[in-house]
Amino acid sequence: MQQSGCGNRIPEWLLKNEDGSFGDHPGSKTHFLRRTLKNISGVVENELYCEKYAAKDNFLQIVDPRVKLCVFLVFIAFGSMTGNMAVLTILSVIPLVYAGLSGIPAKTFFRRIWLVVPLAVFLVSLPGVSSLLIKGRPLFYVTGPGCFGIRDGIYFSSGGLKTAFRLMFRTGISLSFAFLLFLTTRWSKITAGLEAMHIPSIVTSILNMTYRYLFLLAEIAQEMMEARSLRTLGKLKSSDNRRFMAHSAAYLFLKGHGMSEEIYEAMCCRGYTGESTGLLDLKMEWRDGVFLVINAAILFLLIVGEHVK
């Protein structure tokens, strides 16, 4: 028996792990549950993070969502087609500048975007841009000539590294503009903008329902993990973790399927006819025209710069 700070005794069976030993396991007692809870909570935290900046009245927040969507799509398309490294570098800086003007910390924006997926794409692409697939003038060797039976060795050429950097920049540019759109625009305005651009109503309705109930299902999953964590004593076996995750996934699927039927029936009872209606009335203003002119000028300069040797 062991005494607690208030003088009460804690039964020994509460202090034992499944193998009968006492104390914490260095591997983890409930680290699996805590990690899962943290990841699920991150879904909701990201939504709150985006909403915090979308509610401000800064540079991008006051621009019509249709204008932002069109401009960002053009920049993403141009970035995916150009191969000029200088142009790609400038394109990658534009979202950082816009983020700073919109009240978003550029350092945080850079860390959330460029230090995750683009960096991973660059590292994963390195084997494919080595001399094993792309020949050229060696910049530096990984293995010398003749090593591992490879006559020329394994090296990186300037052409190979440029290919890897292009992949990284294109990925980062696409993610930066997409993330910037969500950070500076409420979801309701994005879907309203899509409807104003004559996107079918059924598409925007599906997007709205998916977006909203994604967080509801995440909240249900979080409650399940919290309940399991509170009932867990000692070390969890890997087989128990897998079994719990399988049961949880099945439960969420059945829960989501049942909710979808109930929600649709409730919508029909309230007069839903397949067409959604919104309260937002989007109108173009002078600042939207200024934003279009500024970005058209930037795009023109980038196109000209791409052809300058």
Protein backbone atom coordinates (compact mmCIF):
# COMPACT_ATOMS: atom_id res chain seq x y z
CA MET A 1 0.00 0.00 0.00
CA GLN A 2 1.11 3.57 -0.66
CA GLN A 3 0.03 6.80 0.99
CA SER A 4 -1.18 9.82 -0.89
CA GLY A 5 -0.63 13.43 0.18
CA CYS A 6 -4.00 13.60 1.96
CA GLY A 7 -3.23 10.57 4.11
CA ASN A 8 -5.46 8.08 2.26
CA ARG A 9 -4.04 4.80 1.05
CA ILE A 10 -4.02 3.89 -2.64
CA PRO A 11 -4.64 0.17 -3.30
CA GLU A 12 -1.64 -1.61 -4.76
CA TRP A 13 -3.66 -2.99 -7.69
CA LEU A 14 -4.18 0.58 -8.90
CA LEU A 15 -0.42 1.12 -9.04
CA LYS A 16 0.42 -2.08 -10.90
CA ASN A 17 1.02 -2.40 -14.63
CA GLU A 18 -0.38 -5.31 -16.59
CA ASP A 19 2.81 -7.32 -16.06
CA GLY A 20 2.55 -6.86 -12.28
CA SER A 21 5.38 -4.33 -12.02
CA PHE A 22 5.17 -0.86 -10.51
CA GLY A 23 6.07 2.52 -11.93
CA ASP A 24 6.04 4.12 -15.36
CA HIS A 25 7.18 2.43 -18.51
CA PRO A 26 9.75 4.42 -20.45
CA GLY A 27 8.10 3.32 -23.69
CA SER A 28 4.75 4.69 -22.58
CA LYS A 29 1.79 3.81 -20.49
CA THR A 30 -0.77 5.74 -22.40
CA HIS A 31 1.38 7.66 -24.87
CA PHE A 32 -0.59 6.14 -27.74
CA LEU A 33 -3.81 7.64 -26.41
CA ARG A 34 -2.19 10.99 -25.68
CA ARG A 35 -0.65 11.18 -29.15
CA THR A 36 -3.98 10.34 -30.76
CA LEU A 37 -5.78 12.92 -28.61
CA LYS A 38 -3.20 15.53 -29.57
CA ASN A 39 -3.62 14.80 -33.29
CA ILE A 40 -7.41 14.95 -33.09
CA SER A 41 -7.27 18.16 -31.07
CA GLY A 42 -5.02 19.61 -33.77
CA VAL A 43 -7.93 19.46 -36.23
CA VAL A 44 -10.03 21.76 -34.05
CA GLU A 45 -7.04 23.94 -33.15
CA ASN A 46 -6.31 24.54 -36.84
CA GLU A 47 -9.90 25.67 -37.36
CA LEU A 48 -9.65 28.10 -34.44
CA TYR A 49 -6.27 29.27 -35.74
CA CYS A 50 -7.74 30.04 -39.16
CA GLU A 51 -10.84 31.72 -37.72
CA LYS A 52 -8.70 34.01 -35.55
CA TYR A 53 -7.05 35.60 -38.58
CA ALA A 54 -10.08 35.47 -40.89
CA ALA A 55 -12.00 37.68 -38.43
CA LYS A 56 -9.52 40.56 -38.79
CA ASP A 57 -9.90 43.54 -41.15
CA ASN A 58 -6.48 43.57 -42.75
CA PHE A 59 -5.15 43.48 -46.31
CA LEU A 60 -6.51 40.18 -47.63
CA GLN A 61 -9.45 39.84 -45.26
CA ILE A 62 -11.30 42.76 -46.88
CA VAL A 63 -10.87 41.46 -50.43
CA ASP A 64 -13.78 39.69 -52.13
CA PRO A 65 -13.31 35.89 -51.85
CA ARG A 66 -13.98 35.45 -55.58
CA VAL A 67 -11.12 37.81 -56.40
CA LYS A 68 -8.74 36.08 -53.99
CA LEU A 69 -9.70 32.65 -55.30
CA CYS A 70 -9.12 33.61 -58.94
CA VAL A 71 -5.84 35.43 -58.25
CA PHE A 72 -4.43 32.62 -56.12
CA LEU A 73 -5.44 29.96 -58.66
CA VAL A 74 -3.67 31.91 -61.41
CA PHE A 75 -0.51 32.18 -59.32
CA ILE A 76 -0.64 28.45 -58.50
CA ALA A 77 -1.13 27.54 -62.17
CA PHE A 78 1.69 29.85 -63.25
CA GLY A 79 3.99 28.41 -60.59
CA SER A 80 3.29 24.87 -61.76
CA MET A 81 4.17 25.76 -65.36
CA THR A 82 7.26 27.94 -64.97
CA GLY A 83 10.71 26.41 -64.59
CA ASN A 84 12.62 29.63 -63.90
CA MET A 85 14.16 29.41 -60.43
CA ALA A 86 14.17 33.19 -59.95
CA VAL A 87 10.46 33.39 -60.79
CA LEU A 88 9.68 30.49 -58.45
CA THR A 89 11.61 32.21 -55.67
CA ILE A 90 9.62 35.43 -56.13
CA LEU A 91 6.35 33.48 -56.24
CA SER A 92 7.26 31.81 -52.94
CA VAL A 93 7.90 35.21 -51.32
CA ILE A 94 4.57 36.76 -52.40
CA PRO A 95 2.44 34.70 -49.93
CA LEU A 96 4.82 35.60 -47.10
CA VAL A 97 4.43 39.31 -47.90
CA TYR A 98 0.65 38.99 -48.13
CA ALA A 99 0.60 37.07 -44.84
CA GLY A 100 2.52 39.85 -43.11
CA LEU A 101 0.19 42.52 -44.53
CA SER A 102 -2.81 40.47 -43.33
CA GLY A 103 -1.64 40.31 -39.72
CA ILE A 104 -0.32 36.74 -39.94
CA PRO A 105 3.19 36.27 -38.48
CA ALA A 106 5.40 35.49 -41.47
CA LYS A 107 7.66 33.30 -39.33
CA THR A 108 4.73 31.15 -38.20
CA PHE A 109 3.37 31.00 -41.74
CA PHE A 110 6.76 29.90 -43.09
CA ARG A 111 7.17 27.25 -40.42
CA ARG A 112 3.70 25.77 -40.95
CA ILE A 113 4.13 25.56 -44.73
CA TRP A 114 7.73 25.31 -45.89
CA LEU A 115 9.19 23.21 -43.07
CA VAL A 116 6.67 20.40 -43.51
CA VAL A 117 5.44 19.17 -46.90
CA PRO A 118 7.80 21.06 -49.28
CA LEU A 119 10.85 20.05 -47.26
CA ALA A 120 9.65 16.44 -47.20
CA VAL A 121 9.09 16.54 -50.98
CA PHE A 122 12.63 17.85 -51.49
CA LEU A 123 14.19 15.13 -49.33
CA VAL A 124 12.13 12.34 -50.90
CA SER A 125 12.99 13.52 -54.41
CA LEU A 126 16.76 13.52 -53.82
CA PRO A 127 17.32 9.83 -54.72
CA GLY A 128 15.39 10.36 -57.96
CA VAL A 129 17.46 13.38 -59.03
CA SER A 130 20.83 11.77 -58.33
CA SER A 131 23.09 10.40 -61.07
CA LEU A 132 21.16 7.13 -60.90
CA LEU A 133 18.47 8.78 -63.04
CA ILE A 134 19.71 12.24 -64.05
CA LYS A 135 23.20 12.49 -65.50
CA GLY A 136 25.17 15.70 -65.78
CA ARG A 137 28.25 17.52 -64.63
CA PRO A 138 28.93 16.41 -61.02
CA LEU A 139 28.64 19.04 -58.31
CA PHE A 140 29.53 16.67 -55.48
CA TYR A 141 29.79 12.93 -55.01
CA VAL A 142 27.89 10.78 -52.53
CA THR A 143 30.00 7.72 -53.37
CA GLY A 144 33.18 7.62 -55.41
CA PRO A 145 33.52 6.02 -58.87
CA GLY A 146 33.47 2.23 -58.73
CA CYS A 147 31.82 2.07 -55.31
CA PHE A 148 29.04 -0.55 -55.04
CA GLY A 149 29.86 -1.59 -58.60
CA ILE A 150 28.68 1.74 -60.06
CA ARG A 151 31.27 2.92 -62.56
CA ASP A 152 30.63 6.67 -62.28
CA GLY A 153 29.63 6.59 -58.62
CA ILE A 154 26.61 8.37 -57.18
CA TYR A 155 26.63 12.14 -57.47
CA PHE A 156 24.34 15.14 -57.82
CA SER A 157 24.43 17.41 -60.83
CA SER A 158 23.17 20.98 -61.09
CA GLY A 159 20.29 19.81 -63.30
CA GLY A 160 19.25 17.18 -60.78
CA LEU A 161 19.29 19.56 -57.82
CA LYS A 162 17.36 22.17 -59.81
CA THR A 163 14.68 19.56 -60.48
CA ALA A 164 14.41 18.81 -56.74
CA PHE A 165 14.21 22.51 -55.89
CA ARG A 166 11.54 23.06 -58.54
CA LEU A 167 9.42 20.32 -56.99
CA MET A 168 9.88 21.85 -53.56
CA PHE A 169 9.04 25.38 -54.71
CA ARG A 170 5.96 24.31 -56.68
CA THR A 171 4.62 22.34 -53.73
CA GLY A 172 5.31 25.19 -51.32
CA ILE A 173 3.77 27.83 -53.59
CA SER A 174 0.56 25.83 -54.04
CA LEU A 175 0.23 25.15 -50.32
CA SER A 176 1.10 28.75 -49.39
CA PHE A 177 -1.62 30.32 -51.53
CA ALA A 178 -4.19 27.69 -50.51
CA PHE A 179 -3.39 28.09 -46.81
CA LEU A 180 -3.43 31.88 -47.17
CA LEU A 181 -6.93 31.71 -48.67
CA PHE A 182 -8.26 29.68 -45.73
CA LEU A 183 -6.46 31.85 -43.17
CA THR A 184 -7.94 35.09 -44.47
CA THR A 185 -11.42 33.94 -45.55
CA ARG A 186 -14.23 32.37 -43.56
CA TRP A 187 -15.48 29.10 -44.97
CA SER A 188 -18.98 30.53 -45.48
CA LYS A 189 -17.51 33.28 -47.68
CA ILE A 190 -15.48 30.77 -49.70
CA THR A 191 -18.55 28.68 -50.52
CA ALA A 192 -20.59 31.83 -51.19
CA GLY A 193 -17.89 32.92 -53.62
CA LEU A 194 -17.98 29.53 -55.33
CA GLU A 195 -21.75 29.78 -55.76
CA ALA A 196 -21.39 33.30 -57.15
CA MET A 197 -18.93 31.85 -59.68
CA HIS A 198 -21.71 29.45 -60.81
CA ILE A 199 -20.29 26.33 -59.17
CA PRO A 200 -23.23 23.86 -58.88
CA SER A 201 -25.18 24.25 -55.67
CA ILE A 202 -24.92 20.54 -54.89
CA VAL A 203 -21.11 20.81 -54.87
CA THR A 204 -21.05 23.72 -52.42
CA SER A 205 -23.64 21.98 -50.23
CA ILE A 206 -21.48 18.85 -50.04
CA LEU A 207 -18.42 20.95 -49.22
CA ASN A 208 -20.30 22.79 -46.47
CA MET A 209 -21.64 19.61 -44.90
CA THR A 210 -18.27 17.88 -45.12
CA TYR A 211 -16.46 20.82 -43.55
CA ARG A 212 -18.88 21.22 -40.66
CA TYR A 213 -19.34 17.58 -39.75
CA LEU A 214 -15.65 16.82 -40.06
CA PHE A 215 -15.17 18.78 -36.84
CA LEU A 216 -18.19 17.15 -35.23
CA LEU A 217 -16.78 13.68 -35.93
CA ALA A 218 -13.37 14.84 -34.70
CA GLU A 219 -15.02 15.97 -31.46
CA ILE A 220 -16.74 12.58 -31.08
CA ALA A 221 -13.43 10.80 -31.69
CA GLN A 222 -11.74 13.03 -29.12
CA GLU A 223 -14.39 12.21 -26.52
CA MET A 224 -13.91 8.49 -27.21
CA MET A 225 -10.15 8.79 -26.72
CA GLU A 226 -10.57 10.81 -23.52
CA ALA A 227 -12.98 8.24 -22.10
CA ARG A 228 -10.55 5.42 -22.96
CA SER A 229 -7.64 7.35 -21.44
CA LEU A 230 -9.49 7.90 -18.16
CA ARG A 231 -10.27 4.18 -17.91
CA THR A 232 -6.75 3.01 -18.77
CA LEU A 233 -4.28 1.81 -16.14
CA GLY A 234 -0.81 0.47 -16.86
CA LYS A 235 0.86 -0.19 -20.17
CA LEU A 236 -1.22 -0.70 -23.30
CA LYS A 237 -0.34 -3.57 -25.59
CA SER A 238 0.05 -2.91 -29.29
CA SER A 239 -2.66 -5.46 -30.03
CA ASP A 240 -5.04 -3.62 -27.69
CA ASN A 241 -4.25 -0.32 -29.41
CA ARG A 242 -4.94 -1.79 -32.84
CA ARG A 243 -8.17 -3.40 -31.66
CA PHE A 244 -9.36 -0.16 -30.09
CA MET A 245 -8.55 1.87 -33.21
CA ALA A 246 -10.38 -0.65 -35.42
CA HIS A 247 -13.45 -0.54 -33.18
CA SER A 248 -13.31 3.27 -33.03
CA ALA A 249 -13.07 3.59 -36.82
CA ALA A 250 -16.03 1.24 -37.26
CA TYR A 251 -18.06 3.14 -34.67
CA LEU A 252 -17.30 6.49 -36.30
CA PHE A 253 -18.28 5.12 -39.70
CA LEU A 254 -21.61 3.83 -38.39
CA LYS A 255 -22.16 7.03 -36.41
CA GLY A 256 -21.45 9.18 -39.46
CA HIS A 257 -23.75 7.07 -41.66
CA GLY A 258 -26.58 7.29 -39.15
CA MET A 259 -26.09 11.03 -38.70
CA SER A 260 -26.17 11.61 -42.45
CA GLU A 261 -29.59 10.00 -42.75
CA GLU A 262 -30.97 11.88 -39.74
CA ILE A 263 -29.60 15.20 -40.97
CA TYR A 264 -30.98 14.75 -44.48
CA GLU A 265 -34.43 13.82 -43.15
CA ALA A 266 -34.37 16.86 -40.86
CA MET A 267 -33.41 19.08 -43.80
CA CYS A 268 -36.26 17.71 -45.93
CA CYS A 269 -38.71 18.33 -43.08
CA ARG A 270 -37.58 21.95 -43.07
CA GLY A 271 -38.24 22.43 -46.78
CA TYR A 272 -34.88 21.53 -48.34
CA THR A 273 -35.30 21.10 -52.11
CA GLY A 274 -31.71 20.50 -53.18
CA GLU A 275 -30.74 24.15 -53.50
CA SER A 276 -28.93 25.99 -50.73
CA THR A 277 -29.53 29.62 -49.86
CA GLY A 278 -27.14 32.00 -48.16
CA LEU A 279 -27.33 35.30 -46.34
CA LEU A 280 -24.10 36.70 -47.78
CA ASP A 281 -24.45 39.19 -50.61
CA LEU A 282 -21.04 39.53 -52.27
CA LYS A 283 -20.36 42.76 -54.12
CA MET A 284 -17.24 43.94 -55.90
CA GLU A 285 -15.75 47.15 -54.49
CA TRP A 286 -12.94 49.50 -55.51
CA ARG A 287 -10.38 47.73 -53.31
CA ASP A 288 -11.05 44.48 -55.17
CA GLY A 289 -10.22 46.23 -58.43
CA VAL A 290 -7.00 47.63 -56.92
CA PHE A 291 -6.03 44.15 -55.71
CA LEU A 292 -6.65 42.74 -59.20
CA VAL A 293 -4.55 45.45 -60.86
CA ILE A 294 -1.66 44.96 -58.41
CA ASN A 295 -1.56 41.21 -58.95
CA ALA A 296 -1.99 41.53 -62.71
CA ALA A 297 1.06 43.82 -62.73
CA ILE A 298 3.03 41.32 -60.62
CA LEU A 299 2.05 38.48 -62.94
CA PHE A 300 3.03 40.52 -66.01
CA LEU A 301 6.46 41.28 -64.54
CA LEU A 302 6.97 37.60 -63.70
CA ILE A 303 6.06 36.54 -67.25
CA VAL A 304 8.47 39.11 -68.68
CA GLY A 305 11.18 38.10 -66.20
CA GLU A 306 10.81 34.45 -67.16
CA HIS A 307 11.93 35.21 -70.70
CA VAL A 308 14.83 37.46 -69.71
CA LYS A 309 18.10 35.59 -70.05
